[in-house]
Amino acid sequence: MKLVKANTEHIPIVIDLTKKIWPVAYGEILSIAQLDYMIEKFYNETALQELMRKGHVFYLAQDDKDKYLGFLSYEINCEPQKTKIHKIYVLPETQGTGLGRQFFELVKDKAIKNHQNAIFLNVNKYNKAVNFYTKLGFSKVKDEVIDIGNGYVMDDYVMEIII
């Protein structure tokens, strides 16, 4: 498995992966209407270009046949001396293979090299990924409800790990 730093040319791959991953990851949590709304709002070409311009670093995972299996984005100093993982998504068939941990270890390494004290993220309260992050050593530090428009909210835990 190799991790490839992404640029704007890779945005169609991120969008394609999102459309494959999100219905499985959130299908039991969110309505189809909310899923469609969020993908259109947050995973369109313009929105992803803007995130990259603002300093979100994206990586893609590729297998030995050059198939893309997932993606990550993070931001150094999102808060003072804290790195935020904005996105870790892997194809359902790759869950349990260590790819999510490999993404986390990459962020941890980058955070340490940039003298960060902690890594944090938001995760939907009902997402099975809460267990994954707990196993990595993250702790729930607060609840957060974020209005994303169109009558929808994100009902999340903020989780953090001290590094």
C-alpha atoms as a PDB file:
ATOM      1  CA  MET A   1       0.000   0.000   0.000  1.00  0.00           C
ATOM      2  CA  LYS A   2       1.437   3.358  -0.926  1.00  0.00           C
ATOM      3  CA  LEU A   3       0.260   6.768   0.181  1.00  0.00           C
ATOM      4  CA  VAL A   4       0.438   9.450  -2.497  1.00  0.00           C
ATOM      5  CA  LYS A   5       0.226  13.146  -1.748  1.00  0.00           C
ATOM      6  CA  ALA A   6      -2.705  14.501  -3.742  1.00  0.00           C
ATOM      7  CA  ASN A   7      -3.057  17.745  -5.648  1.00  0.00           C
ATOM      8  CA  THR A   8      -5.885  19.388  -7.566  1.00  0.00           C
ATOM      9  CA  GLU A   9      -5.479  16.902 -10.421  1.00  0.00           C
ATOM     10  CA  HIS A  10      -6.535  14.152  -7.995  1.00  0.00           C
ATOM     11  CA  ILE A  11      -9.813  15.821  -7.006  1.00  0.00           C
ATOM     12  CA  PRO A  12     -11.945  13.648  -9.347  1.00  0.00           C
ATOM     13  CA  ILE A  13     -10.505  10.572  -7.588  1.00  0.00           C
ATOM     14  CA  VAL A  14     -11.457  11.988  -4.162  1.00  0.00           C
ATOM     15  CA  ILE A  15     -14.987  12.696  -5.437  1.00  0.00           C
ATOM     16  CA  ASP A  16     -15.290   9.191  -6.902  1.00  0.00           C
ATOM     17  CA  LEU A  17     -14.092   7.561  -3.672  1.00  0.00           C
ATOM     18  CA  THR A  18     -16.529   9.682  -1.633  1.00  0.00           C
ATOM     19  CA  LYS A  19     -19.453   8.515  -3.756  1.00  0.00           C
ATOM     20  CA  LYS A  20     -18.432   4.890  -3.152  1.00  0.00           C
ATOM     21  CA  ILE A  21     -17.621   5.208   0.572  1.00  0.00           C
ATOM     22  CA  TRP A  22     -20.213   7.582   2.006  1.00  0.00           C
ATOM     23  CA  PRO A  23     -23.376   5.578   1.236  1.00  0.00           C
ATOM     24  CA  VAL A  24     -21.877   2.634   3.141  1.00  0.00           C
ATOM     25  CA  ALA A  25     -20.319   4.677   5.963  1.00  0.00           C
ATOM     26  CA  TYR A  26     -23.382   6.844   6.566  1.00  0.00           C
ATOM     27  CA  GLY A  27     -26.251   4.881   5.001  1.00  0.00           C
ATOM     28  CA  GLU A  28     -27.674   3.820   8.364  1.00  0.00           C
ATOM     29  CA  ILE A  29     -27.036   7.216   9.985  1.00  0.00           C
ATOM     30  CA  LEU A  30     -28.124   9.840   7.461  1.00  0.00           C
ATOM     31  CA  SER A  31     -30.972  10.104   4.972  1.00  0.00           C
ATOM     32  CA  ILE A  32     -30.202   9.748   1.273  1.00  0.00           C
ATOM     33  CA  ALA A  33     -31.199  13.399   0.870  1.00  0.00           C
ATOM     34  CA  GLN A  34     -28.671  14.521   3.494  1.00  0.00           C
ATOM     35  CA  LEU A  35     -25.965  12.291   2.007  1.00  0.00           C
ATOM     36  CA  ASP A  36     -26.544  13.761  -1.433  1.00  0.00           C
ATOM     37  CA  TYR A  37     -26.603  17.289  -0.032  1.00  0.00           C
ATOM     38  CA  MET A  38     -23.339  16.855   1.890  1.00  0.00           C
ATOM     39  CA  ILE A  39     -21.495  15.210  -0.999  1.00  0.00           C
ATOM     40  CA  GLU A  40     -22.594  17.968  -3.364  1.00  0.00           C
ATOM     41  CA  LYS A  41     -21.735  20.726  -0.871  1.00  0.00           C
ATOM     42  CA  PHE A  42     -18.403  19.435   0.478  1.00  0.00           C
ATOM     43  CA  TYR A  43     -17.046  17.184  -2.274  1.00  0.00           C
ATOM     44  CA  ASN A  44     -17.341  19.192  -5.445  1.00  0.00           C
ATOM     45  CA  GLU A  45     -14.353  20.376  -7.475  1.00  0.00           C
ATOM     46  CA  THR A  46     -14.530  23.986  -6.225  1.00  0.00           C
ATOM     47  CA  ALA A  47     -14.938  23.098  -2.539  1.00  0.00           C
ATOM     48  CA  LEU A  48     -12.019  20.654  -2.599  1.00  0.00           C
ATOM     49  CA  GLN A  49      -9.775  23.114  -4.471  1.00  0.00           C
ATOM     50  CA  GLU A  50     -10.547  25.716  -1.803  1.00  0.00           C
ATOM     51  CA  LEU A  51      -9.634  23.295   1.002  1.00  0.00           C
ATOM     52  CA  MET A  52      -6.306  22.545  -0.669  1.00  0.00           C
ATOM     53  CA  ARG A  53      -5.684  26.271  -1.121  1.00  0.00           C
ATOM     54  CA  LYS A  54      -6.377  26.814   2.599  1.00  0.00           C
ATOM     55  CA  GLY A  55      -3.740  24.280   3.612  1.00  0.00           C
ATOM     56  CA  HIS A  56      -5.620  20.997   3.866  1.00  0.00           C
ATOM     57  CA  VAL A  57      -3.159  18.275   2.846  1.00  0.00           C
ATOM     58  CA  PHE A  58      -4.659  15.303   1.002  1.00  0.00           C
ATOM     59  CA  TYR A  59      -3.228  11.820   0.539  1.00  0.00           C
ATOM     60  CA  LEU A  60      -4.590   8.936  -1.492  1.00  0.00           C
ATOM     61  CA  ALA A  61      -3.964   5.246  -0.812  1.00  0.00           C
ATOM     62  CA  GLN A  62      -3.057   3.064  -3.788  1.00  0.00           C
ATOM     63  CA  ASP A  63      -2.648  -0.670  -3.953  1.00  0.00           C
ATOM     64  CA  ASP A  64       0.018  -2.420  -6.025  1.00  0.00           C
ATOM     65  CA  LYS A  65      -2.314  -2.349  -9.057  1.00  0.00           C
ATOM     66  CA  ASP A  66      -2.668   1.451  -8.755  1.00  0.00           C
ATOM     67  CA  LYS A  67      -6.281   1.166  -7.587  1.00  0.00           C
ATOM     68  CA  TYR A  68      -7.273   3.949  -5.200  1.00  0.00           C
ATOM     69  CA  LEU A  69      -8.596   2.630  -1.899  1.00  0.00           C
ATOM     70  CA  GLY A  70      -9.165   5.702   0.259  1.00  0.00           C
ATOM     71  CA  PHE A  71      -8.151   9.216   1.134  1.00  0.00           C
ATOM     72  CA  LEU A  72      -7.072  11.397   4.007  1.00  0.00           C
ATOM     73  CA  SER A  73      -6.926  15.121   4.642  1.00  0.00           C
ATOM     74  CA  TYR A  74      -5.403  16.945   7.555  1.00  0.00           C
ATOM     75  CA  GLU A  75      -4.395  20.451   8.559  1.00  0.00           C
ATOM     76  CA  ILE A  76      -1.338  21.378  10.630  1.00  0.00           C
ATOM     77  CA  ASN A  77      -2.041  24.163  13.181  1.00  0.00           C
ATOM     78  CA  CYS A  78      -5.783  24.086  12.586  1.00  0.00           C
ATOM     79  CA  GLU A  79      -5.783  25.272  16.179  1.00  0.00           C
ATOM     80  CA  PRO A  80      -2.576  26.457  17.848  1.00  0.00           C
ATOM     81  CA  GLN A  81      -0.187  23.464  18.000  1.00  0.00           C
ATOM     82  CA  LYS A  82      -2.982  21.057  17.055  1.00  0.00           C
ATOM     83  CA  THR A  83      -3.418  19.140  13.830  1.00  0.00           C
ATOM     84  CA  LYS A  84      -6.920  18.299  12.644  1.00  0.00           C
ATOM     85  CA  ILE A  85      -7.752  15.201  10.678  1.00  0.00           C
ATOM     86  CA  HIS A  86     -10.544  16.410   8.430  1.00  0.00           C
ATOM     87  CA  LYS A  87     -11.115  13.196   6.513  1.00  0.00           C
ATOM     88  CA  ILE A  88     -10.138   9.548   6.718  1.00  0.00           C
ATOM     89  CA  TYR A  89     -12.183   7.419   4.360  1.00  0.00           C
ATOM     90  CA  VAL A  90     -11.408   3.962   3.039  1.00  0.00           C
ATOM     91  CA  LEU A  91     -13.398   1.698   0.762  1.00  0.00           C
ATOM     92  CA  PRO A  92     -15.577  -0.699   2.779  1.00  0.00           C
ATOM     93  CA  GLU A  93     -13.699  -3.756   1.478  1.00  0.00           C
ATOM     94  CA  THR A  94     -10.425  -2.345   2.850  1.00  0.00           C
ATOM     95  CA  GLN A  95     -11.669  -1.760   6.383  1.00  0.00           C
ATOM     96  CA  GLY A  96      -9.732  -3.863   8.862  1.00  0.00           C
ATOM     97  CA  THR A  97      -6.618  -4.020   6.641  1.00  0.00           C
ATOM     98  CA  GLY A  98      -4.654  -1.390   8.560  1.00  0.00           C
ATOM     99  CA  LEU A  99      -5.118   1.357   5.991  1.00  0.00           C
ATOM    100  CA  GLY A 100      -6.901   3.677   8.426  1.00  0.00           C
ATOM    101  CA  ARG A 101      -4.080   3.185  10.938  1.00  0.00           C
ATOM    102  CA  GLN A 102      -1.526   3.852   8.183  1.00  0.00           C
ATOM    103  CA  PHE A 103      -3.295   7.150   7.424  1.00  0.00           C
ATOM    104  CA  PHE A 104      -3.297   8.033  11.137  1.00  0.00           C
ATOM    105  CA  GLU A 105       0.405   7.222  11.501  1.00  0.00           C
ATOM    106  CA  LEU A 106       1.193   9.489   8.551  1.00  0.00           C
ATOM    107  CA  VAL A 107      -0.670  12.382  10.199  1.00  0.00           C
ATOM    108  CA  LYS A 108       0.964  11.672  13.551  1.00  0.00           C
ATOM    109  CA  ASP A 109       4.409  11.744  11.935  1.00  0.00           C
ATOM    110  CA  LYS A 110       3.669  15.037  10.154  1.00  0.00           C
ATOM    111  CA  ALA A 111       2.232  16.531  13.347  1.00  0.00           C
ATOM    112  CA  ILE A 112       5.293  15.579  15.408  1.00  0.00           C
ATOM    113  CA  LYS A 113       7.638  16.996  12.755  1.00  0.00           C
ATOM    114  CA  ASN A 114       5.648  20.242  12.923  1.00  0.00           C
ATOM    115  CA  HIS A 115       5.857  20.441  16.740  1.00  0.00           C
ATOM    116  CA  GLN A 116       2.177  19.815  17.342  1.00  0.00           C
ATOM    117  CA  ASN A 117       0.886  18.785  20.774  1.00  0.00           C
ATOM    118  CA  ALA A 118      -2.286  16.983  19.731  1.00  0.00           C
ATOM    119  CA  ILE A 119      -4.361  15.641  16.864  1.00  0.00           C
ATOM    120  CA  PHE A 120      -8.124  16.070  16.841  1.00  0.00           C
ATOM    121  CA  LEU A 121     -11.069  15.253  14.603  1.00  0.00           C
ATOM    122  CA  ASN A 122     -14.835  15.292  14.370  1.00  0.00           C
ATOM    123  CA  VAL A 123     -16.748  12.039  13.999  1.00  0.00           C
ATOM    124  CA  ASN A 124     -20.481  11.450  13.778  1.00  0.00           C
ATOM    125  CA  LYS A 125     -21.703  10.184  17.155  1.00  0.00           C
ATOM    126  CA  TYR A 126     -23.322   7.156  15.525  1.00  0.00           C
ATOM    127  CA  ASN A 127     -20.449   6.256  13.206  1.00  0.00           C
ATOM    128  CA  LYS A 128     -18.713   2.930  13.900  1.00  0.00           C
ATOM    129  CA  ALA A 129     -15.425   4.812  13.359  1.00  0.00           C
ATOM    130  CA  VAL A 130     -15.743   6.102  16.951  1.00  0.00           C
ATOM    131  CA  ASN A 131     -14.489   2.651  18.034  1.00  0.00           C
ATOM    132  CA  PHE A 132     -11.574   2.830  15.589  1.00  0.00           C
ATOM    133  CA  TYR A 133     -10.461   6.216  16.931  1.00  0.00           C
ATOM    134  CA  THR A 134     -10.820   5.023  20.527  1.00  0.00           C
ATOM    135  CA  LYS A 135      -8.535   2.045  19.753  1.00  0.00           C
ATOM    136  CA  LEU A 136      -5.958   4.487  18.351  1.00  0.00           C
ATOM    137  CA  GLY A 137      -5.978   6.336  21.680  1.00  0.00           C
ATOM    138  CA  PHE A 138      -8.353   9.209  20.931  1.00  0.00           C
ATOM    139  CA  SER A 139     -10.682  10.429  23.689  1.00  0.00           C
ATOM    140  CA  LYS A 140     -13.980  12.237  23.367  1.00  0.00           C
ATOM    141  CA  VAL A 141     -13.421  15.842  24.457  1.00  0.00           C
ATOM    142  CA  LYS A 142     -16.777  17.389  23.558  1.00  0.00           C
ATOM    143  CA  ASP A 143     -20.034  17.084  21.654  1.00  0.00           C
ATOM    144  CA  GLU A 144     -20.647  19.410  18.744  1.00  0.00           C
ATOM    145  CA  VAL A 145     -23.722  20.048  16.608  1.00  0.00           C
ATOM    146  CA  ILE A 146     -22.867  21.926  13.409  1.00  0.00           C
ATOM    147  CA  ASP A 147     -25.535  23.488  11.204  1.00  0.00           C
ATOM    148  CA  ILE A 148     -24.591  22.714   7.596  1.00  0.00           C
ATOM    149  CA  GLY A 149     -27.600  24.334   5.972  1.00  0.00           C
ATOM    150  CA  ASN A 150     -30.751  23.069   4.276  1.00  0.00           C
ATOM    151  CA  GLY A 151     -32.122  21.982   7.670  1.00  0.00           C
ATOM    152  CA  TYR A 152     -29.274  19.509   8.266  1.00  0.00           C
ATOM    153  CA  VAL A 153     -26.760  19.258  11.102  1.00  0.00           C
ATOM    154  CA  MET A 154     -23.682  17.216  11.832  1.00  0.00           C
ATOM    155  CA  ASP A 155     -24.037  15.647  15.298  1.00  0.00           C
ATOM    156  CA  ASP A 156     -20.433  14.898  16.213  1.00  0.00           C
ATOM    157  CA  TYR A 157     -17.978  14.041  18.908  1.00  0.00           C
ATOM    158  CA  VAL A 158     -14.734  15.935  18.886  1.00  0.00           C
ATOM    159  CA  MET A 159     -12.011  13.426  19.698  1.00  0.00           C
ATOM    160  CA  GLU A 160      -8.386  14.179  20.513  1.00  0.00           C
ATOM    161  CA  ILE A 161      -5.120  12.427  21.175  1.00  0.00           C
ATOM    162  CA  ILE A 162      -2.111  14.029  22.835  1.00  0.00           C
ATOM    163  CA  ILE A 163       1.118  13.278  20.983  1.00  0.00           C
END
